[in-house]
Amino acid sequence: MRNIVPIDHPALRAQALEVDLTAIASKEIQEIISDLKSTLTSERFGVAIAAPQIGEAVRIFIVGGEAFASREDVEYDSEAHPDYVYINPKILKISKKMKMGDEGCLSVPNKYGTKVARTDKITIEYYDENGKKHVRGASNFLARIFQHEIDHLNGILYTDEAIEVIDVDDELKPLDE
């Protein structure tokens, strides 16, 4: 587990570097993946985390399995919904339809952005932690997560795009953000 870097950390504004595909199995990259997973698990409100958020300027992000769980699930099951690793994600297709939504970020604690515009649907190409190539489509909440995390890899924060950034008491944060 690592500490999440604060909003003024240079890694959050850097263009993250692509991971050499031959290095995915390396101890260094596997350690970053492990640290991302354990750091995300330790956070109360996070559903995803990108490598720059732990000070690593490489193109990797993790989406917690609970983001894939049905909203009707009474109890989150980590085996049924494992964390997913996205290495070198590339946007292949996005819809023209935009949706406004609220967003939070582990690197911007106790703040919430209102009315952040994101495309409604997205298709990305990426590699998993075993170096296998995938293509995945997403819509709604998952599409928002993908765009938020890819922005992190490009040195962009939701605070750059939000209509307003408000202070939020920890007790008032929604559980699904």
N, C-alpha and C. Protein backbone atom coordinates (compact mmCIF):
# COMPACT_ATOMS: atom_id res chain seq x y z
N MET A 1 0.84 -1.18 0.00
CA MET A 1 0.00 0.00 0.00
C MET A 1 0.89 1.25 0.00
N ARG A 2 0.41 2.27 -0.68
CA ARG A 2 1.14 3.54 -0.71
C ARG A 2 0.19 4.67 -0.36
N ASN A 3 0.78 5.80 -0.03
CA ASN A 3 -0.03 6.99 0.20
C ASN A 3 -0.46 7.57 -1.14
N ILE A 4 -1.64 8.13 -1.15
CA ILE A 4 -2.11 8.83 -2.34
C ILE A 4 -1.48 10.21 -2.34
N VAL A 5 -0.95 10.60 -3.49
CA VAL A 5 -0.27 11.89 -3.57
C VAL A 5 -1.29 13.02 -3.60
N PRO A 6 -0.93 14.18 -3.03
CA PRO A 6 -1.85 15.31 -3.00
C PRO A 6 -1.97 15.99 -4.36
N ILE A 7 -2.95 16.83 -4.48
CA ILE A 7 -3.28 17.49 -5.75
C ILE A 7 -2.12 18.27 -6.37
N ASP A 8 -1.18 18.74 -5.56
CA ASP A 8 -0.06 19.52 -6.10
C ASP A 8 1.16 18.67 -6.48
N HIS A 9 1.04 17.34 -6.40
CA HIS A 9 2.16 16.46 -6.75
C HIS A 9 2.38 16.48 -8.27
N PRO A 10 3.64 16.60 -8.73
CA PRO A 10 3.91 16.68 -10.17
C PRO A 10 3.44 15.46 -10.98
N ALA A 11 3.38 14.28 -10.38
CA ALA A 11 2.94 13.09 -11.13
C ALA A 11 1.50 13.23 -11.62
N LEU A 12 0.70 14.01 -10.91
CA LEU A 12 -0.70 14.18 -11.31
C LEU A 12 -0.87 15.07 -12.53
N ARG A 13 0.17 15.83 -12.87
CA ARG A 13 0.09 16.72 -14.03
C ARG A 13 1.00 16.26 -15.17
N ALA A 14 1.67 15.14 -14.97
CA ALA A 14 2.58 14.61 -16.00
C ALA A 14 1.84 13.70 -16.97
N GLN A 15 2.34 13.63 -18.19
CA GLN A 15 1.85 12.67 -19.16
C GLN A 15 2.48 11.33 -18.78
N ALA A 16 1.66 10.37 -18.35
CA ALA A 16 2.19 9.07 -17.93
C ALA A 16 2.80 8.33 -19.12
N LEU A 17 3.84 7.57 -18.84
CA LEU A 17 4.55 6.83 -19.88
C LEU A 17 3.92 5.47 -20.12
N GLU A 18 3.92 5.05 -21.38
CA GLU A 18 3.43 3.71 -21.71
C GLU A 18 4.32 2.67 -21.05
N VAL A 19 3.71 1.58 -20.65
CA VAL A 19 4.45 0.46 -20.08
C VAL A 19 4.93 -0.41 -21.23
N ASP A 20 6.21 -0.71 -21.27
CA ASP A 20 6.76 -1.63 -22.27
C ASP A 20 6.08 -2.98 -22.03
N LEU A 21 5.49 -3.55 -23.07
CA LEU A 21 4.74 -4.80 -22.92
C LEU A 21 5.60 -5.93 -22.38
N THR A 22 6.89 -5.90 -22.66
CA THR A 22 7.77 -6.95 -22.13
C THR A 22 8.04 -6.76 -20.64
N ALA A 23 7.69 -5.59 -20.11
CA ALA A 23 7.93 -5.29 -18.69
C ALA A 23 6.71 -5.56 -17.81
N ILE A 24 5.57 -5.91 -18.41
CA ILE A 24 4.36 -6.12 -17.60
C ILE A 24 4.58 -7.16 -16.52
N ALA A 25 5.29 -8.23 -16.83
CA ALA A 25 5.53 -9.30 -15.85
C ALA A 25 6.66 -8.97 -14.87
N SER A 26 7.33 -7.85 -15.07
CA SER A 26 8.46 -7.51 -14.21
C SER A 26 8.02 -7.26 -12.77
N LYS A 27 8.97 -7.42 -11.87
CA LYS A 27 8.70 -7.19 -10.45
C LYS A 27 8.22 -5.76 -10.22
N GLU A 28 8.86 -4.81 -10.91
CA GLU A 28 8.51 -3.39 -10.72
C GLU A 28 7.05 -3.10 -11.09
N ILE A 29 6.62 -3.55 -12.26
CA ILE A 29 5.24 -3.28 -12.70
C ILE A 29 4.24 -4.07 -11.86
N GLN A 30 4.55 -5.32 -11.55
CA GLN A 30 3.64 -6.11 -10.71
C GLN A 30 3.52 -5.51 -9.31
N GLU A 31 4.59 -4.90 -8.82
CA GLU A 31 4.55 -4.24 -7.52
C GLU A 31 3.66 -2.99 -7.57
N ILE A 32 3.75 -2.23 -8.65
CA ILE A 32 2.88 -1.06 -8.81
C ILE A 32 1.42 -1.51 -8.82
N ILE A 33 1.12 -2.57 -9.56
CA ILE A 33 -0.25 -3.09 -9.63
C ILE A 33 -0.72 -3.53 -8.25
N SER A 34 0.12 -4.26 -7.54
CA SER A 34 -0.23 -4.71 -6.19
C SER A 34 -0.46 -3.52 -5.26
N ASP A 35 0.40 -2.51 -5.35
CA ASP A 35 0.25 -1.32 -4.52
C ASP A 35 -1.03 -0.56 -4.86
N LEU A 36 -1.36 -0.47 -6.15
CA LEU A 36 -2.61 0.18 -6.54
C LEU A 36 -3.81 -0.54 -5.95
N LYS A 37 -3.81 -1.87 -6.04
CA LYS A 37 -4.93 -2.64 -5.49
C LYS A 37 -5.06 -2.46 -3.99
N SER A 38 -3.96 -2.57 -3.27
CA SER A 38 -4.03 -2.45 -1.80
C SER A 38 -4.37 -1.03 -1.37
N THR A 39 -3.88 -0.04 -2.10
CA THR A 39 -4.20 1.35 -1.78
C THR A 39 -5.68 1.61 -2.02
N LEU A 40 -6.21 1.14 -3.14
CA LEU A 40 -7.64 1.32 -3.42
C LEU A 40 -8.49 0.63 -2.37
N THR A 41 -8.11 -0.58 -1.99
CA THR A 41 -8.87 -1.33 -0.98
C THR A 41 -8.90 -0.59 0.35
N SER A 42 -7.84 0.12 0.66
CA SER A 42 -7.76 0.82 1.95
C SER A 42 -8.59 2.11 1.99
N GLU A 43 -9.05 2.56 0.84
CA GLU A 43 -9.80 3.82 0.78
C GLU A 43 -11.29 3.58 0.94
N ARG A 44 -11.91 4.41 1.71
CA ARG A 44 -13.33 4.26 2.02
C ARG A 44 -14.24 4.56 0.82
N PHE A 45 -13.88 5.57 0.02
CA PHE A 45 -14.80 6.03 -1.01
C PHE A 45 -14.36 5.74 -2.44
N GLY A 46 -13.18 5.22 -2.66
CA GLY A 46 -12.67 5.07 -4.02
C GLY A 46 -13.23 3.88 -4.76
N VAL A 47 -13.45 4.03 -6.07
CA VAL A 47 -13.85 2.92 -6.93
C VAL A 47 -12.78 2.62 -7.98
N ALA A 48 -11.80 3.52 -8.10
CA ALA A 48 -10.73 3.32 -9.08
C ALA A 48 -9.54 4.17 -8.66
N ILE A 49 -8.37 3.81 -9.21
CA ILE A 49 -7.15 4.56 -8.90
C ILE A 49 -6.18 4.40 -10.07
N ALA A 50 -5.46 5.47 -10.37
CA ALA A 50 -4.46 5.46 -11.44
C ALA A 50 -3.07 5.57 -10.84
N ALA A 51 -2.09 5.01 -11.54
CA ALA A 51 -0.71 5.00 -11.05
C ALA A 51 -0.18 6.39 -10.67
N PRO A 52 -0.48 7.44 -11.42
CA PRO A 52 0.01 8.76 -10.99
C PRO A 52 -0.47 9.16 -9.58
N GLN A 53 -1.58 8.60 -9.14
CA GLN A 53 -2.10 8.94 -7.82
C GLN A 53 -1.25 8.36 -6.68
N ILE A 54 -0.37 7.43 -7.02
CA ILE A 54 0.58 6.94 -6.01
C ILE A 54 2.01 7.35 -6.39
N GLY A 55 2.10 8.35 -7.27
CA GLY A 55 3.40 8.91 -7.63
C GLY A 55 4.13 8.20 -8.75
N GLU A 56 3.46 7.31 -9.46
CA GLU A 56 4.08 6.55 -10.56
C GLU A 56 3.51 7.04 -11.89
N ALA A 57 4.33 7.66 -12.71
CA ALA A 57 3.87 8.22 -13.98
C ALA A 57 3.91 7.17 -15.09
N VAL A 58 3.15 6.09 -14.89
CA VAL A 58 3.01 5.03 -15.90
C VAL A 58 1.52 4.84 -16.20
N ARG A 59 1.22 4.32 -17.39
CA ARG A 59 -0.16 4.21 -17.86
C ARG A 59 -0.82 2.93 -17.35
N ILE A 60 -1.19 2.97 -16.08
CA ILE A 60 -1.89 1.85 -15.43
C ILE A 60 -2.98 2.43 -14.55
N PHE A 61 -4.17 1.82 -14.60
CA PHE A 61 -5.17 2.13 -13.59
C PHE A 61 -5.91 0.86 -13.21
N ILE A 62 -6.54 0.91 -12.05
CA ILE A 62 -7.30 -0.21 -11.50
C ILE A 62 -8.73 0.27 -11.29
N VAL A 63 -9.70 -0.56 -11.64
CA VAL A 63 -11.09 -0.29 -11.28
C VAL A 63 -11.49 -1.38 -10.29
N GLY A 64 -11.93 -0.96 -9.12
CA GLY A 64 -12.34 -1.90 -8.09
C GLY A 64 -13.53 -2.72 -8.55
N GLY A 65 -13.55 -3.98 -8.19
CA GLY A 65 -14.61 -4.88 -8.61
C GLY A 65 -16.00 -4.42 -8.23
N GLU A 66 -16.11 -3.67 -7.13
CA GLU A 66 -17.43 -3.21 -6.71
C GLU A 66 -18.07 -2.28 -7.73
N ALA A 67 -17.27 -1.65 -8.59
CA ALA A 67 -17.83 -0.79 -9.64
C ALA A 67 -18.56 -1.62 -10.69
N PHE A 68 -18.23 -2.91 -10.78
CA PHE A 68 -18.87 -3.81 -11.74
C PHE A 68 -20.06 -4.54 -11.13
N ALA A 69 -20.14 -4.53 -9.80
CA ALA A 69 -21.21 -5.24 -9.11
C ALA A 69 -22.54 -4.55 -9.39
N SER A 70 -23.58 -5.34 -9.46
CA SER A 70 -24.91 -4.80 -9.65
C SER A 70 -25.27 -3.92 -8.47
N ARG A 71 -25.94 -2.84 -8.74
CA ARG A 71 -26.36 -1.95 -7.65
C ARG A 71 -27.40 -2.63 -6.76
N GLU A 72 -27.97 -3.72 -7.20
CA GLU A 72 -28.92 -4.47 -6.37
C GLU A 72 -28.24 -5.48 -5.46
N ASP A 73 -26.94 -5.71 -5.68
CA ASP A 73 -26.22 -6.67 -4.84
C ASP A 73 -26.31 -6.25 -3.38
N VAL A 74 -26.73 -7.16 -2.55
CA VAL A 74 -26.85 -6.85 -1.12
C VAL A 74 -25.46 -6.77 -0.50
N GLU A 75 -24.59 -7.68 -0.92
CA GLU A 75 -23.24 -7.70 -0.37
C GLU A 75 -22.24 -7.84 -1.50
N TYR A 76 -21.20 -7.03 -1.48
CA TYR A 76 -20.15 -7.09 -2.48
C TYR A 76 -19.33 -8.35 -2.28
N ASP A 77 -19.10 -9.10 -3.33
CA ASP A 77 -18.33 -10.34 -3.29
C ASP A 77 -17.08 -10.15 -4.14
N SER A 78 -15.90 -10.07 -3.49
CA SER A 78 -14.66 -9.79 -4.21
C SER A 78 -14.28 -10.90 -5.19
N GLU A 79 -14.74 -12.12 -4.96
CA GLU A 79 -14.43 -13.20 -5.91
C GLU A 79 -15.31 -13.10 -7.15
N ALA A 80 -16.56 -12.71 -6.97
CA ALA A 80 -17.47 -12.56 -8.11
C ALA A 80 -17.14 -11.31 -8.91
N HIS A 81 -16.58 -10.30 -8.23
CA HIS A 81 -16.27 -9.02 -8.88
C HIS A 81 -14.84 -8.60 -8.52
N PRO A 82 -13.83 -9.21 -9.17
CA PRO A 82 -12.44 -8.86 -8.84
C PRO A 82 -12.08 -7.46 -9.36
N ASP A 83 -10.96 -6.94 -8.86
CA ASP A 83 -10.44 -5.68 -9.38
C ASP A 83 -9.90 -5.92 -10.79
N TYR A 84 -10.06 -4.93 -11.66
CA TYR A 84 -9.58 -5.05 -13.03
C TYR A 84 -8.41 -4.09 -13.25
N VAL A 85 -7.41 -4.58 -13.97
CA VAL A 85 -6.19 -3.82 -14.25
C VAL A 85 -6.21 -3.39 -15.72
N TYR A 86 -5.92 -2.12 -15.95
CA TYR A 86 -5.89 -1.56 -17.30
C TYR A 86 -4.51 -0.95 -17.53
N ILE A 87 -3.76 -1.54 -18.45
CA ILE A 87 -2.41 -1.08 -18.77
C ILE A 87 -2.41 -0.52 -20.20
N ASN A 88 -1.80 0.65 -20.37
CA ASN A 88 -1.73 1.33 -21.67
C ASN A 88 -3.10 1.46 -22.35
N PRO A 89 -4.11 1.93 -21.62
CA PRO A 89 -5.44 2.05 -22.24
C PRO A 89 -5.44 3.08 -23.36
N LYS A 90 -6.16 2.75 -24.42
CA LYS A 90 -6.34 3.67 -25.55
C LYS A 90 -7.83 3.75 -25.85
N ILE A 91 -8.31 4.94 -26.06
CA ILE A 91 -9.71 5.13 -26.43
C ILE A 91 -9.86 4.80 -27.91
N LEU A 92 -10.74 3.84 -28.22
CA LEU A 92 -10.99 3.47 -29.61
C LEU A 92 -12.21 4.20 -30.16
N LYS A 93 -13.22 4.36 -29.30
CA LYS A 93 -14.47 4.95 -29.76
C LYS A 93 -15.17 5.62 -28.59
N ILE A 94 -15.78 6.77 -28.85
CA ILE A 94 -16.60 7.43 -27.83
C ILE A 94 -17.90 7.88 -28.49
N SER A 95 -18.94 7.94 -27.69
CA SER A 95 -20.21 8.42 -28.22
C SER A 95 -20.21 9.94 -28.25
N LYS A 96 -21.08 10.50 -29.06
CA LYS A 96 -21.22 11.95 -29.12
C LYS A 96 -22.07 12.46 -27.97
N LYS A 97 -22.90 11.58 -27.42
CA LYS A 97 -23.80 11.99 -26.34
C LYS A 97 -23.00 12.23 -25.06
N MET A 98 -23.19 13.40 -24.52
CA MET A 98 -22.50 13.77 -23.28
C MET A 98 -23.48 13.75 -22.11
N LYS A 99 -22.96 13.42 -20.95
CA LYS A 99 -23.76 13.46 -19.72
C LYS A 99 -23.00 14.27 -18.69
N MET A 100 -23.73 15.08 -17.97
CA MET A 100 -23.15 15.82 -16.86
C MET A 100 -23.28 14.95 -15.62
N GLY A 101 -22.26 14.96 -14.78
CA GLY A 101 -22.31 14.17 -13.55
C GLY A 101 -21.34 14.72 -12.53
N ASP A 102 -21.52 14.27 -11.31
CA ASP A 102 -20.65 14.69 -10.22
C ASP A 102 -19.51 13.69 -10.09
N GLU A 103 -18.35 14.17 -9.67
CA GLU A 103 -17.19 13.30 -9.50
C GLU A 103 -16.39 13.68 -8.26
N GLY A 104 -15.75 12.67 -7.69
CA GLY A 104 -14.80 12.87 -6.62
C GLY A 104 -13.49 12.22 -7.03
N CYS A 105 -12.46 12.42 -6.22
CA CYS A 105 -11.15 11.88 -6.55
C CYS A 105 -10.35 11.67 -5.28
N LEU A 106 -9.67 10.54 -5.18
CA LEU A 106 -8.86 10.25 -4.00
C LEU A 106 -7.73 11.25 -3.82
N SER A 107 -7.27 11.86 -4.90
CA SER A 107 -6.19 12.85 -4.80
C SER A 107 -6.70 14.26 -4.47
N VAL A 108 -8.00 14.40 -4.41
CA VAL A 108 -8.61 15.69 -4.08
C VAL A 108 -9.60 15.43 -2.94
N PRO A 109 -9.09 15.11 -1.74
CA PRO A 109 -9.97 14.72 -0.64
C PRO A 109 -10.89 15.85 -0.18
N ASN A 110 -12.07 15.43 0.28
CA ASN A 110 -13.07 16.34 0.84
C ASN A 110 -13.55 17.40 -0.14
N LYS A 111 -13.46 17.08 -1.42
CA LYS A 111 -13.97 17.97 -2.47
C LYS A 111 -14.80 17.12 -3.43
N TYR A 112 -15.71 17.78 -4.11
CA TYR A 112 -16.55 17.10 -5.07
C TYR A 112 -16.80 18.04 -6.23
N GLY A 113 -16.66 17.54 -7.44
CA GLY A 113 -16.91 18.36 -8.62
C GLY A 113 -18.32 18.16 -9.12
N THR A 114 -18.99 19.26 -9.40
CA THR A 114 -20.35 19.15 -9.92
C THR A 114 -20.35 19.43 -11.42
N LYS A 115 -21.23 18.75 -12.09
CA LYS A 115 -21.44 18.95 -13.52
C LYS A 115 -20.15 18.79 -14.32
N VAL A 116 -19.57 17.60 -14.26
CA VAL A 116 -18.41 17.26 -15.09
C VAL A 116 -18.95 16.55 -16.33
N ALA A 117 -18.69 17.08 -17.51
CA ALA A 117 -19.19 16.49 -18.76
C ALA A 117 -18.32 15.31 -19.18
N ARG A 118 -18.96 14.19 -19.44
CA ARG A 118 -18.28 12.99 -19.94
C ARG A 118 -19.15 12.37 -21.03
N THR A 119 -18.51 11.69 -21.95
CA THR A 119 -19.27 10.97 -22.96
C THR A 119 -19.99 9.80 -22.31
N ASP A 120 -21.15 9.46 -22.85
CA ASP A 120 -22.01 8.43 -22.27
C ASP A 120 -21.48 7.01 -22.48
N LYS A 121 -20.77 6.80 -23.58
CA LYS A 121 -20.25 5.46 -23.91
C LYS A 121 -18.81 5.59 -24.41
N ILE A 122 -18.05 4.55 -24.13
CA ILE A 122 -16.64 4.55 -24.53
C ILE A 122 -16.20 3.11 -24.79
N THR A 123 -15.30 2.95 -25.74
CA THR A 123 -14.67 1.65 -25.99
C THR A 123 -13.16 1.87 -25.88
N ILE A 124 -12.52 1.02 -25.07
CA ILE A 124 -11.07 1.14 -24.90
C ILE A 124 -10.37 -0.17 -25.23
N GLU A 125 -9.11 -0.04 -25.60
CA GLU A 125 -8.22 -1.18 -25.79
C GLU A 125 -7.17 -1.07 -24.68
N TYR A 126 -6.82 -2.20 -24.08
CA TYR A 126 -5.85 -2.18 -22.98
C TYR A 126 -5.24 -3.56 -22.82
N TYR A 127 -4.24 -3.64 -21.96
CA TYR A 127 -3.62 -4.91 -21.59
C TYR A 127 -3.91 -5.16 -20.12
N ASP A 128 -4.08 -6.43 -19.76
CA ASP A 128 -4.29 -6.77 -18.35
C ASP A 128 -2.93 -7.05 -17.69
N GLU A 129 -2.96 -7.44 -16.42
CA GLU A 129 -1.72 -7.65 -15.67
C GLU A 129 -0.91 -8.84 -16.15
N ASN A 130 -1.49 -9.66 -17.04
CA ASN A 130 -0.76 -10.78 -17.63
C ASN A 130 -0.26 -10.47 -19.04
N GLY A 131 -0.50 -9.25 -19.50
CA GLY A 131 -0.04 -8.85 -20.83
C GLY A 131 -1.00 -9.21 -21.95
N LYS A 132 -2.21 -9.66 -21.60
CA LYS A 132 -3.20 -10.03 -22.61
C LYS A 132 -3.97 -8.78 -23.05
N LYS A 133 -4.12 -8.64 -24.36
CA LYS A 133 -4.81 -7.49 -24.94
C LYS A 133 -6.32 -7.71 -24.89
N HIS A 134 -7.06 -6.63 -24.56
CA HIS A 134 -8.52 -6.68 -24.48
C HIS A 134 -9.11 -5.44 -25.13
N VAL A 135 -10.37 -5.55 -25.53
CA VAL A 135 -11.18 -4.40 -25.94
C VAL A 135 -12.43 -4.47 -25.08
N ARG A 136 -12.79 -3.33 -24.48
CA ARG A 136 -13.95 -3.32 -23.59
C ARG A 136 -14.76 -2.05 -23.81
N GLY A 137 -16.06 -2.23 -23.92
CA GLY A 137 -16.98 -1.10 -23.99
C GLY A 137 -17.56 -0.82 -22.63
N ALA A 138 -17.96 0.41 -22.41
CA ALA A 138 -18.58 0.78 -21.15
C ALA A 138 -19.57 1.91 -21.39
N SER A 139 -20.56 1.99 -20.52
CA SER A 139 -21.52 3.09 -20.59
C SER A 139 -21.80 3.59 -19.18
N ASN A 140 -22.43 4.75 -19.13
CA ASN A 140 -22.86 5.34 -17.86
C ASN A 140 -21.72 5.47 -16.85
N PHE A 141 -21.92 4.91 -15.64
CA PHE A 141 -20.97 5.08 -14.54
C PHE A 141 -19.58 4.54 -14.90
N LEU A 142 -19.52 3.35 -15.51
CA LEU A 142 -18.23 2.77 -15.86
C LEU A 142 -17.52 3.60 -16.93
N ALA A 143 -18.27 4.13 -17.89
CA ALA A 143 -17.67 5.01 -18.90
C ALA A 143 -17.08 6.25 -18.24
N ARG A 144 -17.76 6.79 -17.24
CA ARG A 144 -17.27 7.95 -16.50
C ARG A 144 -15.97 7.60 -15.77
N ILE A 145 -15.94 6.42 -15.15
CA ILE A 145 -14.73 5.98 -14.44
C ILE A 145 -13.55 5.88 -15.42
N PHE A 146 -13.77 5.21 -16.56
CA PHE A 146 -12.69 5.05 -17.54
C PHE A 146 -12.14 6.42 -17.96
N GLN A 147 -13.02 7.36 -18.25
CA GLN A 147 -12.57 8.68 -18.70
C GLN A 147 -11.83 9.43 -17.60
N HIS A 148 -12.32 9.33 -16.37
CA HIS A 148 -11.67 9.97 -15.22
C HIS A 148 -10.25 9.42 -15.05
N GLU A 149 -10.11 8.09 -15.11
CA GLU A 149 -8.80 7.47 -14.91
C GLU A 149 -7.85 7.73 -16.08
N ILE A 150 -8.35 7.69 -17.30
CA ILE A 150 -7.50 8.00 -18.46
C ILE A 150 -7.06 9.46 -18.39
N ASP A 151 -7.93 10.34 -17.92
CA ASP A 151 -7.51 11.73 -17.71
C ASP A 151 -6.32 11.79 -16.76
N HIS A 152 -6.35 11.00 -15.67
CA HIS A 152 -5.20 10.98 -14.75
C HIS A 152 -3.92 10.63 -15.50
N LEU A 153 -4.00 9.68 -16.42
CA LEU A 153 -2.82 9.26 -17.17
C LEU A 153 -2.32 10.35 -18.12
N ASN A 154 -3.20 11.30 -18.41
CA ASN A 154 -2.86 12.41 -19.31
C ASN A 154 -2.61 13.72 -18.56
N GLY A 155 -2.49 13.64 -17.23
CA GLY A 155 -2.19 14.83 -16.44
C GLY A 155 -3.36 15.77 -16.23
N ILE A 156 -4.58 15.24 -16.38
CA ILE A 156 -5.79 16.05 -16.24
C ILE A 156 -6.55 15.62 -14.99
N LEU A 157 -7.04 16.57 -14.23
CA LEU A 157 -7.87 16.29 -13.05
C LEU A 157 -9.30 16.75 -13.30
N TYR A 158 -10.25 16.11 -12.64
CA TYR A 158 -11.65 16.49 -12.83
C TYR A 158 -11.88 17.95 -12.45
N THR A 159 -11.05 18.47 -11.55
CA THR A 159 -11.19 19.87 -11.12
C THR A 159 -10.95 20.84 -12.28
N ASP A 160 -10.27 20.38 -13.32
CA ASP A 160 -10.04 21.21 -14.51
C ASP A 160 -11.32 21.40 -15.31
N GLU A 161 -12.25 20.46 -15.20
CA GLU A 161 -13.45 20.44 -16.03
C GLU A 161 -14.74 20.73 -15.28
N ALA A 162 -14.74 20.59 -13.97
CA ALA A 162 -15.97 20.73 -13.19
C ALA A 162 -16.49 22.16 -13.23
N ILE A 163 -17.80 22.30 -13.31
CA ILE A 163 -18.44 23.62 -13.25
C ILE A 163 -18.16 24.26 -11.90
N GLU A 164 -18.21 23.45 -10.85
CA GLU A 164 -17.97 23.93 -9.49
C GLU A 164 -17.33 22.81 -8.68
N VAL A 165 -16.42 23.17 -7.81
CA VAL A 165 -15.82 22.21 -6.88
C VAL A 165 -16.24 22.64 -5.49
N ILE A 166 -16.92 21.72 -4.78
CA ILE A 166 -17.45 22.06 -3.46
C ILE A 166 -16.76 21.24 -2.37
N ASP A 167 -16.73 21.80 -1.18
CA ASP A 167 -16.23 21.08 -0.01
C ASP A 167 -17.29 20.10 0.43
N VAL A 168 -16.85 18.90 0.82
CA VAL A 168 -17.77 17.85 1.24
C VAL A 168 -17.30 17.27 2.56
N ASP A 169 -18.21 17.14 3.48
CA ASP A 169 -17.94 16.47 4.75
C ASP A 169 -17.85 14.98 4.47
N ASP A 170 -16.87 14.29 5.06
CA ASP A 170 -16.70 12.84 4.86
C ASP A 170 -17.99 12.06 5.05
N GLU A 171 -18.80 12.45 5.98
CA GLU A 171 -20.03 11.72 6.27
C GLU A 171 -21.08 11.87 5.18
N LEU A 172 -20.95 12.87 4.32
CA LEU A 172 -21.96 13.14 3.30
C LEU A 172 -21.60 12.59 1.93
N LYS A 173 -20.39 12.07 1.76
CA LYS A 173 -19.98 11.55 0.46
C LYS A 173 -20.83 10.35 0.08
N PRO A 174 -21.28 10.28 -1.17
CA PRO A 174 -22.03 9.10 -1.61
C PRO A 174 -21.12 7.88 -1.63
N LEU A 175 -21.69 6.72 -1.34
CA LEU A 175 -20.90 5.49 -1.27
C LEU A 175 -20.47 4.98 -2.63
N ASP A 176 -21.16 5.36 -3.70
CA ASP A 176 -20.81 4.83 -5.02
C ASP A 176 -19.83 5.70 -5.79
N GLU A 177 -19.32 6.73 -5.21
CA GLU A 177 -18.35 7.58 -5.92
C GLU A 177 -17.03 7.41 -5.27
